[in-house]
Amino acid sequence: MFKRIALFWTILRTDAHYLWRALRHRSAPAWLKAGAALVLLYLISPIDLVPDVIPVFGVMDDLILVPLAIRFLLDRLPPNVSADVGRTRRI
Protein backbone atom coordinates (compact mmCIF):
# COMPACT_ATOMS: atom_id res chain seq x y z
CA MET A 1 0.00 0.00 0.00
CA PHE A 2 2.70 2.48 0.99
CA LYS A 3 4.79 1.51 -2.03
CA ARG A 4 1.87 2.36 -4.29
CA ILE A 5 1.38 5.72 -2.60
CA ALA A 6 5.10 6.47 -2.93
CA LEU A 7 5.03 5.49 -6.61
CA PHE A 8 1.93 7.63 -7.21
CA TRP A 9 3.59 10.61 -5.51
CA THR A 10 6.78 10.19 -7.56
CA ILE A 11 4.86 10.03 -10.83
CA LEU A 12 2.74 13.05 -9.94
CA ARG A 13 5.76 15.07 -8.84
CA THR A 14 7.68 14.17 -12.01
CA ASP A 15 4.77 14.97 -14.31
CA ALA A 16 4.11 18.26 -12.54
CA HIS A 17 7.79 19.16 -12.92
CA TYR A 18 7.70 18.39 -16.66
CA LEU A 19 4.52 20.42 -17.04
CA TRP A 20 6.15 23.36 -15.29
CA ARG A 21 9.20 23.14 -17.55
CA ALA A 22 6.98 22.85 -20.65
CA LEU A 23 5.00 25.91 -19.60
CA ARG A 24 8.21 27.91 -19.31
CA HIS A 25 9.44 26.76 -22.73
CA ARG A 26 9.69 29.54 -25.30
CA SER A 27 7.54 27.72 -27.86
CA ALA A 28 4.91 26.33 -25.50
CA PRO A 29 1.52 26.33 -27.21
CA ALA A 30 -1.27 28.52 -25.89
CA TRP A 31 -3.54 25.52 -25.33
CA LEU A 32 -1.00 24.11 -22.88
CA LYS A 33 -1.08 27.26 -20.80
CA ALA A 34 -4.87 27.35 -20.88
CA GLY A 35 -5.10 23.67 -19.94
CA ALA A 36 -2.69 24.07 -17.04
CA ALA A 37 -4.67 27.08 -15.83
CA LEU A 38 -7.89 25.04 -15.95
CA VAL A 39 -6.28 22.19 -13.99
CA LEU A 40 -5.07 24.64 -11.37
CA LEU A 41 -8.47 26.31 -11.25
CA TYR A 42 -10.18 22.95 -10.73
CA LEU A 43 -7.71 22.09 -7.99
CA ILE A 44 -8.33 25.27 -5.98
CA SER A 45 -12.00 25.68 -6.86
CA PRO A 46 -14.59 24.90 -4.19
CA ILE A 47 -16.79 23.39 -6.92
CA ASP A 48 -15.90 19.73 -7.54
CA LEU A 49 -17.46 16.86 -9.42
CA VAL A 50 -17.85 15.07 -6.10
CA PRO A 51 -18.17 17.37 -3.05
CA ASP A 52 -15.36 17.20 -0.50
CA VAL A 53 -17.82 16.65 2.35
CA ILE A 54 -18.28 13.04 1.22
CA PRO A 55 -15.55 11.38 3.31
CA VAL A 56 -13.50 9.30 0.87
CA PHE A 57 -14.86 10.04 -2.57
CA GLY A 58 -14.61 13.82 -2.20
CA VAL A 59 -10.83 13.72 -2.02
CA MET A 60 -10.41 10.81 -4.40
CA ASP A 61 -11.74 12.74 -7.38
CA ASP A 62 -9.00 15.34 -6.93
CA LEU A 63 -6.37 12.64 -6.51
CA ILE A 64 -7.46 10.92 -9.70
CA LEU A 65 -8.57 13.69 -12.05
CA VAL A 66 -5.68 16.11 -11.57
CA PRO A 67 -2.87 13.61 -12.39
CA LEU A 68 -4.89 12.32 -15.35
CA ALA A 69 -5.33 15.87 -16.65
CA ILE A 70 -1.62 16.60 -16.26
CA ARG A 71 -0.72 13.38 -18.06
CA PHE A 72 -3.24 14.24 -20.81
CA LEU A 73 -1.59 17.62 -21.37
CA LEU A 74 1.91 16.15 -21.39
CA ASP A 75 0.99 13.43 -23.87
CA ARG A 76 -0.16 16.05 -26.36
CA LEU A 77 2.96 18.22 -26.24
CA PRO A 78 4.55 19.02 -29.59
CA PRO A 79 7.65 16.88 -30.22
CA ASN A 80 10.08 19.81 -30.11
CA VAL A 81 8.83 20.99 -26.71
CA SER A 82 8.75 17.46 -25.34
CA ALA A 83 12.34 16.85 -26.46
CA ASP A 84 13.56 20.15 -25.03
CA VAL A 85 12.06 19.60 -21.58
CA GLY A 86 13.58 16.14 -21.45
CA ARG A 87 10.43 14.03 -21.31
CA THR A 88 10.52 10.92 -23.42
CA ARG A 89 7.34 9.30 -24.62
CA ARG A 90 6.22 6.43 -22.43
CA ILE A 91 4.91 3.34 -24.14
C-alpha atoms as a PDB file:
ATOM      1  CA  MET A   1       0.000   0.000   0.000  1.00  0.00           C
ATOM      2  CA  PHE A   2       2.703   2.478   0.992  1.00  0.00           C
ATOM      3  CA  LYS A   3       4.788   1.512  -2.031  1.00  0.00           C
ATOM      4  CA  ARG A   4       1.867   2.357  -4.292  1.00  0.00           C
ATOM      5  CA  ILE A   5       1.384   5.722  -2.603  1.00  0.00           C
ATOM      6  CA  ALA A   6       5.099   6.468  -2.931  1.00  0.00           C
ATOM      7  CA  LEU A   7       5.028   5.489  -6.610  1.00  0.00           C
ATOM      8  CA  PHE A   8       1.935   7.629  -7.213  1.00  0.00           C
ATOM      9  CA  TRP A   9       3.595  10.611  -5.513  1.00  0.00           C
ATOM     10  CA  THR A  10       6.777  10.187  -7.559  1.00  0.00           C
ATOM     11  CA  ILE A  11       4.864  10.029 -10.833  1.00  0.00           C
ATOM     12  CA  LEU A  12       2.741  13.052  -9.935  1.00  0.00           C
ATOM     13  CA  ARG A  13       5.763  15.072  -8.844  1.00  0.00           C
ATOM     14  CA  THR A  14       7.685  14.167 -12.009  1.00  0.00           C
ATOM     15  CA  ASP A  15       4.771  14.966 -14.314  1.00  0.00           C
ATOM     16  CA  ALA A  16       4.111  18.264 -12.536  1.00  0.00           C
ATOM     17  CA  HIS A  17       7.792  19.165 -12.925  1.00  0.00           C
ATOM     18  CA  TYR A  18       7.702  18.392 -16.663  1.00  0.00           C
ATOM     19  CA  LEU A  19       4.525  20.417 -17.043  1.00  0.00           C
ATOM     20  CA  TRP A  20       6.149  23.365 -15.288  1.00  0.00           C
ATOM     21  CA  ARG A  21       9.197  23.141 -17.550  1.00  0.00           C
ATOM     22  CA  ALA A  22       6.982  22.847 -20.649  1.00  0.00           C
ATOM     23  CA  LEU A  23       5.002  25.911 -19.602  1.00  0.00           C
ATOM     24  CA  ARG A  24       8.208  27.915 -19.305  1.00  0.00           C
ATOM     25  CA  HIS A  25       9.442  26.764 -22.732  1.00  0.00           C
ATOM     26  CA  ARG A  26       9.694  29.539 -25.303  1.00  0.00           C
ATOM     27  CA  SER A  27       7.542  27.717 -27.860  1.00  0.00           C
ATOM     28  CA  ALA A  28       4.909  26.331 -25.500  1.00  0.00           C
ATOM     29  CA  PRO A  29       1.515  26.329 -27.215  1.00  0.00           C
ATOM     30  CA  ALA A  30      -1.266  28.522 -25.892  1.00  0.00           C
ATOM     31  CA  TRP A  31      -3.545  25.519 -25.326  1.00  0.00           C
ATOM     32  CA  LEU A  32      -1.001  24.108 -22.876  1.00  0.00           C
ATOM     33  CA  LYS A  33      -1.076  27.261 -20.796  1.00  0.00           C
ATOM     34  CA  ALA A  34      -4.867  27.348 -20.881  1.00  0.00           C
ATOM     35  CA  GLY A  35      -5.101  23.666 -19.943  1.00  0.00           C
ATOM     36  CA  ALA A  36      -2.685  24.069 -17.040  1.00  0.00           C
ATOM     37  CA  ALA A  37      -4.669  27.075 -15.830  1.00  0.00           C
ATOM     38  CA  LEU A  38      -7.889  25.038 -15.950  1.00  0.00           C
ATOM     39  CA  VAL A  39      -6.282  22.189 -13.995  1.00  0.00           C
ATOM     40  CA  LEU A  40      -5.069  24.644 -11.368  1.00  0.00           C
ATOM     41  CA  LEU A  41      -8.473  26.312 -11.252  1.00  0.00           C
ATOM     42  CA  TYR A  42     -10.183  22.955 -10.729  1.00  0.00           C
ATOM     43  CA  LEU A  43      -7.712  22.094  -7.992  1.00  0.00           C
ATOM     44  CA  ILE A  44      -8.334  25.272  -5.978  1.00  0.00           C
ATOM     45  CA  SER A  45     -11.997  25.676  -6.856  1.00  0.00           C
ATOM     46  CA  PRO A  46     -14.587  24.905  -4.186  1.00  0.00           C
ATOM     47  CA  ILE A  47     -16.792  23.390  -6.916  1.00  0.00           C
ATOM     48  CA  ASP A  48     -15.897  19.730  -7.545  1.00  0.00           C
ATOM     49  CA  LEU A  49     -17.464  16.862  -9.423  1.00  0.00           C
ATOM     50  CA  VAL A  50     -17.850  15.074  -6.098  1.00  0.00           C
ATOM     51  CA  PRO A  51     -18.168  17.366  -3.049  1.00  0.00           C
ATOM     52  CA  ASP A  52     -15.356  17.199  -0.503  1.00  0.00           C
ATOM     53  CA  VAL A  53     -17.823  16.650   2.350  1.00  0.00           C
ATOM     54  CA  ILE A  54     -18.277  13.042   1.217  1.00  0.00           C
ATOM     55  CA  PRO A  55     -15.548  11.382   3.311  1.00  0.00           C
ATOM     56  CA  VAL A  56     -13.500   9.297   0.870  1.00  0.00           C
ATOM     57  CA  PHE A  57     -14.857  10.041  -2.573  1.00  0.00           C
ATOM     58  CA  GLY A  58     -14.606  13.822  -2.202  1.00  0.00           C
ATOM     59  CA  VAL A  59     -10.834  13.723  -2.021  1.00  0.00           C
ATOM     60  CA  MET A  60     -10.405  10.811  -4.401  1.00  0.00           C
ATOM     61  CA  ASP A  61     -11.743  12.736  -7.384  1.00  0.00           C
ATOM     62  CA  ASP A  62      -8.998  15.337  -6.933  1.00  0.00           C
ATOM     63  CA  LEU A  63      -6.367  12.641  -6.506  1.00  0.00           C
ATOM     64  CA  ILE A  64      -7.462  10.917  -9.696  1.00  0.00           C
ATOM     65  CA  LEU A  65      -8.567  13.690 -12.049  1.00  0.00           C
ATOM     66  CA  VAL A  66      -5.676  16.112 -11.569  1.00  0.00           C
ATOM     67  CA  PRO A  67      -2.873  13.610 -12.389  1.00  0.00           C
ATOM     68  CA  LEU A  68      -4.887  12.323 -15.349  1.00  0.00           C
ATOM     69  CA  ALA A  69      -5.335  15.866 -16.653  1.00  0.00           C
ATOM     70  CA  ILE A  70      -1.621  16.603 -16.260  1.00  0.00           C
ATOM     71  CA  ARG A  71      -0.718  13.378 -18.063  1.00  0.00           C
ATOM     72  CA  PHE A  72      -3.242  14.240 -20.810  1.00  0.00           C
ATOM     73  CA  LEU A  73      -1.591  17.618 -21.367  1.00  0.00           C
ATOM     74  CA  LEU A  74       1.911  16.151 -21.388  1.00  0.00           C
ATOM     75  CA  ASP A  75       0.987  13.435 -23.870  1.00  0.00           C
ATOM     76  CA  ARG A  76      -0.159  16.052 -26.362  1.00  0.00           C
ATOM     77  CA  LEU A  77       2.963  18.221 -26.243  1.00  0.00           C
ATOM     78  CA  PRO A  78       4.549  19.022 -29.592  1.00  0.00           C
ATOM     79  CA  PRO A  79       7.648  16.882 -30.224  1.00  0.00           C
ATOM     80  CA  ASN A  80      10.076  19.810 -30.113  1.00  0.00           C
ATOM     81  CA  VAL A  81       8.827  20.992 -26.708  1.00  0.00           C
ATOM     82  CA  SER A  82       8.753  17.462 -25.343  1.00  0.00           C
ATOM     83  CA  ALA A  83      12.341  16.846 -26.461  1.00  0.00           C
ATOM     84  CA  ASP A  84      13.564  20.151 -25.027  1.00  0.00           C
ATOM     85  CA  VAL A  85      12.060  19.605 -21.576  1.00  0.00           C
ATOM     86  CA  GLY A  86      13.575  16.139 -21.448  1.00  0.00           C
ATOM     87  CA  ARG A  87      10.435  14.034 -21.313  1.00  0.00           C
ATOM     88  CA  THR A  88      10.515  10.915 -23.425  1.00  0.00           C
ATOM     89  CA  ARG A  89       7.342   9.297 -24.618  1.00  0.00           C
ATOM     90  CA  ARG A  90       6.221   6.431 -22.433  1.00  0.00           C
ATOM     91  CA  ILE A  91       4.912   3.344 -24.145  1.00  0.00           C
END
